[in-house]
């Protein structure tokens, strides 16, 4: 049963992960969003006190 021999399959697994880890991260890091986030307004909205009619 050659499937139980880990020698060639382990090497294939390691080389595959090495390829994935060297090719994919630069592609993912280079991705740019189509809509850049705009900065939020730093002014706080003016809040008014609530007059409680029953208190």
Protein backbone atom coordinates (compact mmCIF):
# COMPACT_ATOMS: atom_id res chain seq x y z
CA UNK A 1 0.00 0.00 0.00
CA UNK A 2 2.08 2.98 -1.16
CA UNK A 3 -0.40 5.51 0.26
CA UNK A 4 0.84 4.70 3.76
CA UNK A 5 4.42 5.68 2.93
CA UNK A 6 4.64 9.27 4.24
CA UNK A 7 7.92 10.15 2.52
CA UNK A 8 6.67 11.47 -0.85
CA UNK A 9 3.34 12.84 0.41
CA UNK A 10 4.85 14.80 3.24
CA UNK A 11 7.30 16.47 0.85
CA UNK A 12 4.44 17.31 -1.52
CA UNK A 13 2.48 18.79 1.38
CA UNK A 14 5.41 20.91 2.55
CA UNK A 15 6.24 22.20 -0.93
CA UNK A 16 2.61 23.00 -1.60
CA UNK A 17 2.35 25.06 1.58
CA UNK A 18 5.61 26.82 0.81
CA UNK A 19 4.26 27.81 -2.59
CA UNK A 20 1.00 29.01 -1.07
CA UNK A 21 2.82 31.00 1.61
CA UNK A 22 5.14 32.70 -0.89
CA UNK A 23 2.62 33.46 -3.65
CA UNK A 24 -0.62 34.33 -1.89
CA UNK A 25 0.35 36.84 0.88
CA UNK A 26 1.77 39.48 -1.51
CA UNK A 27 -1.39 39.21 -3.62
CA UNK A 28 -3.60 39.60 -0.56
CA UNK A 29 -1.56 42.49 0.85
CA UNK A 30 -1.61 44.31 -2.50
CA UNK A 31 -5.41 44.22 -2.61
CA UNK A 32 -6.97 47.68 -2.42
CA UNK A 33 -10.51 48.43 -1.45
CA UNK A 34 -12.58 50.29 -4.05
CA UNK A 35 -14.01 52.67 -1.44
CA UNK A 36 -11.47 54.05 0.98
CA UNK A 37 -12.94 54.84 4.40
CA UNK A 38 -13.42 58.52 5.08
CA UNK A 39 -12.49 59.98 8.47
CA UNK A 40 -15.33 60.37 10.92
CA UNK A 41 -16.49 63.77 12.07
CA UNK A 42 -14.64 64.61 15.30
CA UNK A 43 -17.28 67.03 16.59
CA UNK A 44 -19.68 65.56 19.10
CA UNK A 45 -23.36 66.12 18.40
CA UNK A 46 -25.05 68.53 20.77
CA UNK A 47 -27.34 66.66 23.10
CA UNK A 48 -30.16 68.30 24.98
CA UNK A 49 -31.51 67.14 28.30
CA UNK A 50 -34.75 65.27 28.25
CA UNK A 51 -37.49 66.86 30.32
CA UNK A 52 -39.28 64.04 32.10
CA UNK A 53 -42.95 64.96 32.42
CA UNK A 54 -43.63 62.60 35.34
CA UNK A 55 -40.66 63.42 37.52
